[in-house]
Protein backbone atom coordinates (compact mmCIF):
# COMPACT_ATOMS: atom_id res chain seq x y z
CA MET A 1 -2.71 36.97 -26.89
CA ILE A 2 -5.06 34.04 -27.42
CA ASN A 3 -2.14 31.71 -28.26
CA LEU A 4 -0.29 32.55 -25.00
CA VAL A 5 -3.49 31.94 -22.94
CA GLN A 6 -3.99 28.61 -24.68
CA VAL A 7 -0.27 27.72 -24.12
CA ASN A 8 -0.55 28.59 -20.43
CA ASN A 9 -3.70 26.56 -20.00
CA LYS A 10 -2.06 23.53 -21.64
CA LYS A 11 0.96 23.94 -19.32
CA LYS A 12 -1.29 24.10 -16.28
CA LYS A 13 -3.20 20.96 -17.42
CA LYS A 14 0.09 19.07 -17.86
CA GLN A 15 1.30 20.18 -14.43
CA ILE A 16 -1.97 19.15 -12.82
CA ILE A 17 -1.78 15.71 -14.61
CA LEU A 18 1.88 15.23 -13.53
CA GLY A 19 0.92 16.13 -10.08
CA LEU A 20 -1.97 13.66 -10.07
CA SER A 21 0.23 10.90 -11.30
CA ILE A 22 2.87 11.57 -8.54
CA VAL A 23 0.08 11.46 -5.97
CA LYS A 24 -1.20 8.24 -7.44
CA LYS A 25 2.25 6.70 -7.24
CA HIS A 26 2.70 7.82 -3.62
CA ILE A 27 -0.70 6.35 -2.68
CA LYS A 28 0.16 3.00 -4.33
CA LYS A 29 3.53 2.91 -2.42
CA THR A 30 1.84 3.51 0.90
CA ASP A 31 -0.82 0.95 0.02
CA THR A 32 1.86 -1.58 -0.58
CA LYS A 33 3.58 -0.77 2.57
CA ILE A 34 0.31 -1.08 4.61
CA ASN A 35 -0.49 -4.43 2.81
CA LEU A 36 3.04 -5.74 3.76
CA LYS A 37 2.57 -4.74 7.29
CA THR A 38 -0.86 -6.41 7.53
CA LEU A 39 0.53 -9.61 5.79
CA CYS A 40 3.42 -9.75 8.20
CA PHE A 41 1.07 -9.32 11.11
CA LYS A 42 -1.33 -12.01 9.82
CA TYR A 43 1.66 -14.28 9.36
CA ILE A 44 2.74 -13.73 12.92
CA GLN A 45 -0.67 -14.33 14.23
CA ASP A 46 -0.98 -17.57 12.20
CA GLN A 47 2.34 -18.83 13.42
CA SER A 48 1.46 -18.19 17.04
CA ARG A 49 -1.89 -20.09 16.49
CA TYR A 50 -0.01 -22.86 14.92
CA GLU A 51 2.45 -23.04 17.89
CA LYS A 52 -0.39 -23.05 20.38
CA TYR A 53 -2.14 -25.86 18.47
CA ASN A 54 1.17 -27.81 18.59
CA LEU A 55 1.53 -27.15 22.27
CA GLY A 56 -1.99 -28.31 22.83
CA LEU A 57 -1.41 -31.48 20.99
CA THR A 58 1.83 -32.31 22.89
CA THR A 59 0.20 -31.84 26.18
CA LYS A 60 -2.68 -34.15 25.16
CA ILE A 61 -0.30 -36.82 24.04
CA ILE A 62 1.72 -36.60 27.20
């Protein structure tokens, strides 16, 4: 009886650990996606600032 209970407890612990690692992987993937989106957004913002700066310079030169 005791051995079966111990085996079941070990199985439950393994399942919990596996579940946690899967959740961690999922969180890392979503973090990466969010980071990529923010990087792209920042790049687009920087590009538009750069273009505005260039337009400002050309109008001053003209």
